Structure formats: C-alpha cells, structure tokens
Amino acid sequence: MSTHINAASKGDIAETILLPGDPLRAKFIAENFLESPRLYNEVRGMLGYTGTYKGVPVSVQGTGMGMPSMGIYSWELITEYDVQNLIRIGTAGSFHEDIKIKDLVIGVAASTDSNYIHAFNVPGNYAPSASYKLLSKARDASEALKIPFKAGNIVSCDVFYEFGDWWKKWAEMGILAVEMEAAALYMNAAYNRVNALAMMTISDHFVTGERSTTEERQKSFTDMMKLALEMAVE
C-alpha cells in the first residue's frame, strides 16, 4: 500500500491513467466521461477514480501542482499499482502568438529548470521526452476526432511567479509553452520503463496576457479530455 494513495489496492487502478493536476478536474472527468466510476482515493484531497470508457478500464488521478507532487503520484502509480500508460492532462502558458488560448499542446520533450534529475545520478544532462507509443496514439486519435494539437518542446518550471521577461529566452529556443509537471513524469516513466505523455490546454498567454478562469480550467477543456480518453482505448 502506497503512502499517498493508501485507500487503493492492486487492481483498483487501470493500466492507463489520466493525470490532471487539479483533483476537481479528475472528478469532472470521472462523472462526465467514465461509466460506473468508483472513487479509490481521496487522501489529501487528491481524488482518484476508476471506470470504463468504451468498455476499457481507465483511471484518472489528481496529482497536485509542481514536479515534487507529480513525482510522488506518478512514482507510486507505476511502482505500487503497475500503471503502464500515464497521460498528463493539464494547463500551460503559451510563449507564441500563434499558440492561442484553448489550443492543445503536446510535449514531445520537456526542458526544465529543475534539479529533479539529481535523484537518478545521471552523469550529465538529460532530455526528458514523451513515449513514442503514446505520441502515435495521440496522432491517430487527433485524426479520428478532428482535434488538432501542436507538438514540440515545452518547459517544466519549479517557480510559478517569476519576474521579468525570463520566458523570452525559452521562446527563442523554440519552447512552445510552460507548465510545471511533465519533466518529472517523463523521468519517472523512463526510469521505470513505462509510457508517459503530457498534453496541455493553453490557459494563459505570455504574449497577449490572456488568462482562463478557474472554472474553465476545471470543466471546459474537454477536447483534451476526449483526446486522452480516446488514446486510452486504441
């Protein structure tokens, strides 16, 4: 039994799981998209559910904000519950005018300013990346559902409230958007030989200053949810 998901037993959590940061987004997905959802976790308010989508078992688990929190939940899901496919469904801030509010972005790779990699004792720099298996599923689901996405390098940052134009240096290197969890997810998945992919809906825009509301973040980014669920049943 894990420390942070200690209400669940092996078998309670599906091999494929959706990972929103916001536990209320997990609740929304379970209640609106899954058949017969069952709550398996509410420790620390991080709601987790398992149900079926088109007859296939799928779980959804809130992970909280930041790489430490994502690192804990994804590690326990992989090592304690044998989860094989982890799909982050979150929000991100765009660095480019042509990537607009409510656009969907997939992180092929996740640059980072974090020192999370130190735990793995790698003798150099490491480039966290998505699993090709899930990238392929995302492409196929995108074509079937007519839900487009942009794919490329994103950046996972430790600090939410940063000062000045720090983001412009990342933008100059072709980074599409910023979020706070993908790099840790990709590292945990790589170390444990499982599949991970991070997809984010743009909720904030560094160029235009636009921002989505809290309710929109929880309930209106349904294209991302549909795409991730379709990936789960392919």
C-alpha atoms as a PDB file:
ATOM      1  CA  MET A   1       0.000   0.000   0.000  1.00  0.00           C
ATOM      2  CA  SER A   2       1.458   3.367  -1.021  1.00  0.00           C
ATOM      3  CA  THR A   3       1.839   6.386   1.242  1.00  0.00           C
ATOM      4  CA  HIS A   4      -0.294   8.818  -0.755  1.00  0.00           C
ATOM      5  CA  ILE A   5      -2.838   6.517  -2.432  1.00  0.00           C
ATOM      6  CA  ASN A   6      -3.376   4.272   0.567  1.00  0.00           C
ATOM      7  CA  ALA A   7      -7.076   3.576   0.063  1.00  0.00           C
ATOM      8  CA  ALA A   8      -6.407   1.655  -3.155  1.00  0.00           C
ATOM      9  CA  SER A   9      -5.399  -1.979  -3.592  1.00  0.00           C
ATOM     10  CA  LYS A  10      -3.647  -3.518  -6.568  1.00  0.00           C
ATOM     11  CA  GLY A  11      -6.191  -3.956  -9.321  1.00  0.00           C
ATOM     12  CA  ASP A  12      -8.165  -0.871  -8.294  1.00  0.00           C
ATOM     13  CA  ILE A  13      -6.225   1.302 -10.741  1.00  0.00           C
ATOM     14  CA  ALA A  14      -6.205   0.698 -14.503  1.00  0.00           C
ATOM     15  CA  GLU A  15      -3.064   0.237 -16.614  1.00  0.00           C
ATOM     16  CA  THR A  16      -3.858   3.543 -18.345  1.00  0.00           C
ATOM     17  CA  ILE A  17      -4.394   6.654 -16.264  1.00  0.00           C
ATOM     18  CA  LEU A  18      -5.137  10.327 -16.910  1.00  0.00           C
ATOM     19  CA  LEU A  19      -3.311  12.739 -14.622  1.00  0.00           C
ATOM     20  CA  PRO A  20      -4.827  16.203 -14.172  1.00  0.00           C
ATOM     21  CA  GLY A  21      -3.140  18.435 -11.640  1.00  0.00           C
ATOM     22  CA  ASP A  22      -6.485  19.625 -10.282  1.00  0.00           C
ATOM     23  CA  PRO A  23      -8.363  16.877  -8.390  1.00  0.00           C
ATOM     24  CA  LEU A  24     -11.656  18.581  -9.292  1.00  0.00           C
ATOM     25  CA  ARG A  25     -10.780  18.056 -12.951  1.00  0.00           C
ATOM     26  CA  ALA A  26     -10.375  14.373 -12.117  1.00  0.00           C
ATOM     27  CA  LYS A  27     -13.840  14.390 -10.549  1.00  0.00           C
ATOM     28  CA  PHE A  28     -15.314  16.172 -13.582  1.00  0.00           C
ATOM     29  CA  ILE A  29     -13.823  13.619 -15.983  1.00  0.00           C
ATOM     30  CA  ALA A  30     -14.999  10.664 -13.902  1.00  0.00           C
ATOM     31  CA  GLU A  31     -18.545  11.973 -13.604  1.00  0.00           C
ATOM     32  CA  ASN A  32     -18.932  13.101 -17.221  1.00  0.00           C
ATOM     33  CA  PHE A  33     -16.910  10.644 -19.291  1.00  0.00           C
ATOM     34  CA  LEU A  34     -16.415   7.375 -17.415  1.00  0.00           C
ATOM     35  CA  GLU A  35     -19.007   4.633 -16.983  1.00  0.00           C
ATOM     36  CA  SER A  36     -19.555   3.401 -13.419  1.00  0.00           C
ATOM     37  CA  PRO A  37     -16.721   5.456 -11.905  1.00  0.00           C
ATOM     38  CA  ARG A  38     -15.558   4.370  -8.472  1.00  0.00           C
ATOM     39  CA  LEU A  39     -13.601   6.586  -6.092  1.00  0.00           C
ATOM     40  CA  TYR A  40     -10.447   4.740  -5.000  1.00  0.00           C
ATOM     41  CA  ASN A  41      -8.535   7.616  -3.389  1.00  0.00           C
ATOM     42  CA  GLU A  42      -9.200  10.847  -1.544  1.00  0.00           C
ATOM     43  CA  VAL A  43      -6.086  11.047   0.630  1.00  0.00           C
ATOM     44  CA  ARG A  44      -5.007  14.723   0.939  1.00  0.00           C
ATOM     45  CA  GLY A  45      -7.939  15.607  -1.324  1.00  0.00           C
ATOM     46  CA  MET A  46      -6.211  14.065  -4.378  1.00  0.00           C
ATOM     47  CA  LEU A  47      -9.216  12.343  -5.879  1.00  0.00           C
ATOM     48  CA  GLY A  48      -8.706   9.193  -7.924  1.00  0.00           C
ATOM     49  CA  TYR A  49     -11.341   7.240  -9.853  1.00  0.00           C
ATOM     50  CA  THR A  50     -11.515   4.124 -11.991  1.00  0.00           C
ATOM     51  CA  GLY A  51     -14.275   3.444 -14.501  1.00  0.00           C
ATOM     52  CA  THR A  52     -14.578   2.361 -18.100  1.00  0.00           C
ATOM     53  CA  TYR A  53     -14.519   4.282 -21.363  1.00  0.00           C
ATOM     54  CA  LYS A  54     -15.943   2.432 -24.355  1.00  0.00           C
ATOM     55  CA  GLY A  55     -15.661  -0.716 -22.280  1.00  0.00           C
ATOM     56  CA  VAL A  56     -11.980  -0.260 -21.424  1.00  0.00           C
ATOM     57  CA  PRO A  57     -10.845   0.310 -17.813  1.00  0.00           C
ATOM     58  CA  VAL A  58      -9.403   3.809 -17.347  1.00  0.00           C
ATOM     59  CA  SER A  59      -8.357   5.654 -14.211  1.00  0.00           C
ATOM     60  CA  VAL A  60      -7.999   9.356 -13.520  1.00  0.00           C
ATOM     61  CA  GLN A  61      -5.946  10.742 -10.632  1.00  0.00           C
ATOM     62  CA  GLY A  62      -5.301  14.274  -9.418  1.00  0.00           C
ATOM     63  CA  THR A  63      -1.591  14.959  -8.890  1.00  0.00           C
ATOM     64  CA  GLY A  64      -1.385  18.474  -7.486  1.00  0.00           C
ATOM     65  CA  MET A  65       0.970  21.197  -8.710  1.00  0.00           C
ATOM     66  CA  GLY A  66       4.666  21.007  -9.435  1.00  0.00           C
ATOM     67  CA  MET A  67       7.268  18.339 -10.084  1.00  0.00           C
ATOM     68  CA  PRO A  68       7.591  17.130  -6.469  1.00  0.00           C
ATOM     69  CA  SER A  69       3.868  16.329  -6.345  1.00  0.00           C
ATOM     70  CA  MET A  70       3.770  14.791  -9.830  1.00  0.00           C
ATOM     71  CA  GLY A  71       6.911  12.857  -8.934  1.00  0.00           C
ATOM     72  CA  ILE A  72       5.252  11.307  -5.883  1.00  0.00           C
ATOM     73  CA  TYR A  73       1.974  10.298  -7.514  1.00  0.00           C
ATOM     74  CA  SER A  74       3.406   9.020 -10.779  1.00  0.00           C
ATOM     75  CA  TRP A  75       6.101   7.020  -8.941  1.00  0.00           C
ATOM     76  CA  GLU A  76       3.572   5.323  -6.674  1.00  0.00           C
ATOM     77  CA  LEU A  77       1.189   4.632  -9.549  1.00  0.00           C
ATOM     78  CA  ILE A  78       3.978   2.977 -11.525  1.00  0.00           C
ATOM     79  CA  THR A  79       5.776   1.062  -8.776  1.00  0.00           C
ATOM     80  CA  GLU A  80       2.880   0.167  -6.458  1.00  0.00           C
ATOM     81  CA  TYR A  81      -0.021  -0.201  -8.886  1.00  0.00           C
ATOM     82  CA  ASP A  82       1.653  -1.315 -12.139  1.00  0.00           C
ATOM     83  CA  VAL A  83       0.307   1.565 -14.225  1.00  0.00           C
ATOM     84  CA  GLN A  84       1.815   1.343 -17.729  1.00  0.00           C
ATOM     85  CA  ASN A  85       0.490   4.407 -19.570  1.00  0.00           C
ATOM     86  CA  LEU A  86       0.423   7.801 -17.873  1.00  0.00           C
ATOM     87  CA  ILE A  87      -1.160  10.746 -19.690  1.00  0.00           C
ATOM     88  CA  ARG A  88      -0.867  14.162 -18.072  1.00  0.00           C
ATOM     89  CA  ILE A  89      -3.808  16.420 -18.939  1.00  0.00           C
ATOM     90  CA  GLY A  90      -3.066  19.872 -17.636  1.00  0.00           C
ATOM     91  CA  THR A  91      -2.740  23.525 -18.484  1.00  0.00           C
ATOM     92  CA  ALA A  92       0.144  25.594 -19.798  1.00  0.00           C
ATOM     93  CA  GLY A  93       1.146  29.121 -20.685  1.00  0.00           C
ATOM     94  CA  SER A  94       1.878  29.917 -24.338  1.00  0.00           C
ATOM     95  CA  PHE A  95       5.074  31.685 -25.404  1.00  0.00           C
ATOM     96  CA  HIS A  96       3.966  32.353 -29.016  1.00  0.00           C
ATOM     97  CA  GLU A  97       1.198  34.361 -30.663  1.00  0.00           C
ATOM     98  CA  ASP A  98       0.181  31.500 -32.938  1.00  0.00           C
ATOM     99  CA  ILE A  99      -0.419  29.168 -29.972  1.00  0.00           C
ATOM    100  CA  LYS A 100      -3.654  30.560 -28.597  1.00  0.00           C
ATOM    101  CA  ILE A 101      -5.845  30.184 -25.524  1.00  0.00           C
ATOM    102  CA  LYS A 102      -7.596  26.756 -25.589  1.00  0.00           C
ATOM    103  CA  ASP A 103      -5.111  25.347 -28.130  1.00  0.00           C
ATOM    104  CA  LEU A 104      -3.820  21.891 -27.299  1.00  0.00           C
ATOM    105  CA  VAL A 105      -0.069  21.335 -26.917  1.00  0.00           C
ATOM    106  CA  ILE A 106       1.781  18.029 -26.538  1.00  0.00           C
ATOM    107  CA  GLY A 107       5.242  17.953 -25.018  1.00  0.00           C
ATOM    108  CA  VAL A 108       7.461  15.825 -27.257  1.00  0.00           C
ATOM    109  CA  ALA A 109      10.225  16.808 -24.846  1.00  0.00           C
ATOM    110  CA  ALA A 110      10.234  18.687 -21.560  1.00  0.00           C
ATOM    111  CA  SER A 111      13.093  21.038 -20.855  1.00  0.00           C
ATOM    112  CA  THR A 112      13.325  22.120 -17.233  1.00  0.00           C
ATOM    113  CA  ASP A 113      14.999  24.451 -14.747  1.00  0.00           C
ATOM    114  CA  SER A 114      14.543  21.818 -12.036  1.00  0.00           C
ATOM    115  CA  ASN A 115      17.216  19.652 -10.446  1.00  0.00           C
ATOM    116  CA  TYR A 116      14.812  16.687 -10.285  1.00  0.00           C
ATOM    117  CA  ILE A 117      17.232  14.581 -12.349  1.00  0.00           C
ATOM    118  CA  HIS A 118      19.769  14.535  -9.478  1.00  0.00           C
ATOM    119  CA  ALA A 119      17.839  11.678  -7.855  1.00  0.00           C
ATOM    120  CA  PHE A 120      18.784   9.382 -10.752  1.00  0.00           C
ATOM    121  CA  ASN A 121      22.548  10.115 -10.553  1.00  0.00           C
ATOM    122  CA  VAL A 122      22.890  10.671 -14.308  1.00  0.00           C
ATOM    123  CA  PRO A 123      26.476  11.687 -15.238  1.00  0.00           C
ATOM    124  CA  GLY A 124      25.468  14.638 -17.433  1.00  0.00           C
ATOM    125  CA  ASN A 125      22.439  16.462 -18.790  1.00  0.00           C
ATOM    126  CA  TYR A 126      19.255  14.529 -19.519  1.00  0.00           C
ATOM    127  CA  ALA A 127      16.479  15.316 -22.014  1.00  0.00           C
ATOM    128  CA  PRO A 128      13.090  14.089 -20.677  1.00  0.00           C
ATOM    129  CA  SER A 129      10.817  13.043 -23.531  1.00  0.00           C
ATOM    130  CA  ALA A 130       7.425  11.531 -24.229  1.00  0.00           C
ATOM    131  CA  SER A 131       6.928   7.904 -25.230  1.00  0.00           C
ATOM    132  CA  TYR A 132       6.645   7.323 -28.959  1.00  0.00           C
ATOM    133  CA  LYS A 133       3.894   4.764 -28.346  1.00  0.00           C
ATOM    134  CA  LEU A 134       1.653   7.411 -26.791  1.00  0.00           C
ATOM    135  CA  LEU A 135       2.664  10.074 -29.320  1.00  0.00           C
ATOM    136  CA  SER A 136       1.486   7.739 -32.062  1.00  0.00           C
ATOM    137  CA  LYS A 137      -1.802   7.146 -30.255  1.00  0.00           C
ATOM    138  CA  ALA A 138      -2.265  10.900 -29.851  1.00  0.00           C
ATOM    139  CA  ARG A 139      -1.725  11.435 -33.580  1.00  0.00           C
ATOM    140  CA  ASP A 140      -4.227   8.717 -34.505  1.00  0.00           C
ATOM    141  CA  ALA A 141      -6.831   9.969 -32.012  1.00  0.00           C
ATOM    142  CA  SER A 142      -6.338  13.532 -33.243  1.00  0.00           C
ATOM    143  CA  GLU A 143      -7.085  12.491 -36.805  1.00  0.00           C
ATOM    144  CA  ALA A 144     -10.117  10.404 -35.808  1.00  0.00           C
ATOM    145  CA  LEU A 145     -11.669  13.083 -33.577  1.00  0.00           C
ATOM    146  CA  LYS A 146     -10.597  16.081 -35.692  1.00  0.00           C
ATOM    147  CA  ILE A 147      -8.976  17.602 -32.608  1.00  0.00           C
ATOM    148  CA  PRO A 148      -5.720  19.277 -33.671  1.00  0.00           C
ATOM    149  CA  PHE A 149      -2.701  19.796 -31.456  1.00  0.00           C
ATOM    150  CA  LYS A 150       0.708  21.391 -31.655  1.00  0.00           C
ATOM    151  CA  ALA A 151       3.700  19.287 -30.605  1.00  0.00           C
ATOM    152  CA  GLY A 152       7.213  20.239 -29.604  1.00  0.00           C
ATOM    153  CA  ASN A 153       9.459  21.131 -26.709  1.00  0.00           C
ATOM    154  CA  ILE A 154       7.849  22.544 -23.578  1.00  0.00           C
ATOM    155  CA  VAL A 155       9.485  23.656 -20.327  1.00  0.00           C
ATOM    156  CA  SER A 156       8.649  22.445 -16.817  1.00  0.00           C
ATOM    157  CA  CYS A 157       9.497  25.144 -14.267  1.00  0.00           C
ATOM    158  CA  ASP A 158       9.700  24.997 -10.480  1.00  0.00           C
ATOM    159  CA  VAL A 159       8.630  28.604  -9.872  1.00  0.00           C
ATOM    160  CA  PHE A 160       5.151  29.863 -10.813  1.00  0.00           C
ATOM    161  CA  TYR A 161       5.611  33.560 -10.010  1.00  0.00           C
ATOM    162  CA  GLU A 162       8.794  34.530 -11.854  1.00  0.00           C
ATOM    163  CA  PHE A 163       9.949  38.081 -12.598  1.00  0.00           C
ATOM    164  CA  GLY A 164      10.689  39.938 -15.834  1.00  0.00           C
ATOM    165  CA  ASP A 165      10.928  38.507 -19.322  1.00  0.00           C
ATOM    166  CA  TRP A 166      12.566  35.199 -18.338  1.00  0.00           C
ATOM    167  CA  TRP A 167      10.237  33.315 -20.686  1.00  0.00           C
ATOM    168  CA  LYS A 168      11.537  35.046 -23.820  1.00  0.00           C
ATOM    169  CA  LYS A 169      14.834  33.148 -23.673  1.00  0.00           C
ATOM    170  CA  TRP A 170      12.934  29.876 -23.699  1.00  0.00           C
ATOM    171  CA  ALA A 171      10.744  31.108 -26.555  1.00  0.00           C
ATOM    172  CA  GLU A 172      13.843  31.951 -28.582  1.00  0.00           C
ATOM    173  CA  MET A 173      14.869  28.297 -28.303  1.00  0.00           C
ATOM    174  CA  GLY A 174      11.559  27.151 -29.748  1.00  0.00           C
ATOM    175  CA  ILE A 175       9.895  26.216 -26.459  1.00  0.00           C
ATOM    176  CA  LEU A 176       6.132  26.206 -27.078  1.00  0.00           C
ATOM    177  CA  ALA A 177       4.781  26.683 -23.566  1.00  0.00           C
ATOM    178  CA  VAL A 178       5.487  26.412 -19.853  1.00  0.00           C
ATOM    179  CA  GLU A 179       3.973  24.104 -17.242  1.00  0.00           C
ATOM    180  CA  MET A 180       5.198  22.522 -14.002  1.00  0.00           C
ATOM    181  CA  GLU A 181       4.973  18.722 -14.110  1.00  0.00           C
ATOM    182  CA  ALA A 182       5.914  16.989 -17.377  1.00  0.00           C
ATOM    183  CA  ALA A 183       9.669  16.658 -16.881  1.00  0.00           C
ATOM    184  CA  ALA A 184       9.260  14.736 -13.616  1.00  0.00           C
ATOM    185  CA  LEU A 185       6.631  12.483 -15.173  1.00  0.00           C
ATOM    186  CA  TYR A 186       8.868  11.726 -18.148  1.00  0.00           C
ATOM    187  CA  MET A 187      11.867  10.944 -15.929  1.00  0.00           C
ATOM    188  CA  ASN A 188       9.904   8.603 -13.669  1.00  0.00           C
ATOM    189  CA  ALA A 189       8.420   6.828 -16.668  1.00  0.00           C
ATOM    190  CA  ALA A 190      11.784   6.451 -18.407  1.00  0.00           C
ATOM    191  CA  TYR A 191      13.476   5.050 -15.307  1.00  0.00           C
ATOM    192  CA  ASN A 192      10.687   2.515 -14.786  1.00  0.00           C
ATOM    193  CA  ARG A 193      10.293   1.607 -18.493  1.00  0.00           C
ATOM    194  CA  VAL A 194       6.668   2.673 -18.864  1.00  0.00           C
ATOM    195  CA  ASN A 195       4.923   5.119 -21.194  1.00  0.00           C
ATOM    196  CA  ALA A 196       4.172   8.777 -20.487  1.00  0.00           C
ATOM    197  CA  LEU A 197       2.870  11.759 -22.418  1.00  0.00           C
ATOM    198  CA  ALA A 198       1.927  15.275 -21.336  1.00  0.00           C
ATOM    199  CA  MET A 199      -0.794  17.221 -23.117  1.00  0.00           C
ATOM    200  CA  MET A 200      -1.845  20.648 -22.004  1.00  0.00           C
ATOM    201  CA  THR A 201      -4.558  23.126 -22.922  1.00  0.00           C
ATOM    202  CA  ILE A 202      -3.298  26.693 -23.137  1.00  0.00           C
ATOM    203  CA  SER A 203      -4.850  28.589 -20.239  1.00  0.00           C
ATOM    204  CA  ASP A 204      -2.505  31.592 -20.075  1.00  0.00           C
ATOM    205  CA  HIS A 205      -0.720  33.639 -22.730  1.00  0.00           C
ATOM    206  CA  PHE A 206       2.590  35.353 -22.060  1.00  0.00           C
ATOM    207  CA  VAL A 207       2.381  37.452 -25.240  1.00  0.00           C
ATOM    208  CA  THR A 208      -1.219  38.697 -25.052  1.00  0.00           C
ATOM    209  CA  GLY A 209      -1.766  38.484 -21.277  1.00  0.00           C
ATOM    210  CA  GLU A 210      -4.973  36.443 -21.640  1.00  0.00           C
ATOM    211  CA  ARG A 211      -5.995  34.079 -18.828  1.00  0.00           C
ATOM    212  CA  SER A 212      -8.666  31.418 -18.420  1.00  0.00           C
ATOM    213  CA  THR A 213     -10.891  31.316 -15.341  1.00  0.00           C
ATOM    214  CA  THR A 214     -10.606  28.629 -12.668  1.00  0.00           C
ATOM    215  CA  GLU A 215     -13.924  27.100 -13.751  1.00  0.00           C
ATOM    216  CA  GLU A 216     -12.801  26.991 -17.378  1.00  0.00           C
ATOM    217  CA  ARG A 217      -9.652  25.142 -16.318  1.00  0.00           C
ATOM    218  CA  GLN A 218     -11.682  22.542 -14.440  1.00  0.00           C
ATOM    219  CA  LYS A 219     -14.564  21.960 -16.826  1.00  0.00           C
ATOM    220  CA  SER A 220     -14.243  23.487 -20.297  1.00  0.00           C
ATOM    221  CA  PHE A 221     -11.054  21.923 -21.683  1.00  0.00           C
ATOM    222  CA  THR A 222     -12.997  18.907 -22.910  1.00  0.00           C
ATOM    223  CA  ASP A 223     -11.137  18.419 -26.227  1.00  0.00           C
ATOM    224  CA  MET A 224      -8.043  17.475 -24.242  1.00  0.00           C
ATOM    225  CA  MET A 225     -10.058  15.061 -22.110  1.00  0.00           C
ATOM    226  CA  LYS A 226     -11.665  13.409 -25.143  1.00  0.00           C
ATOM    227  CA  LEU A 227      -8.326  13.033 -26.919  1.00  0.00           C
ATOM    228  CA  ALA A 228      -6.674  11.460 -23.882  1.00  0.00           C
ATOM    229  CA  LEU A 229      -9.578   9.042 -23.339  1.00  0.00           C
ATOM    230  CA  GLU A 230      -9.535   8.006 -26.989  1.00  0.00           C
ATOM    231  CA  MET A 231      -5.824   7.268 -26.646  1.00  0.00           C
ATOM    232  CA  ALA A 232      -6.656   5.003 -23.731  1.00  0.00           C
ATOM    233  CA  VAL A 233      -8.914   2.726 -25.798  1.00  0.00           C
ATOM    234  CA  GLU A 234      -6.897   2.486 -29.004  1.00  0.00           C
END
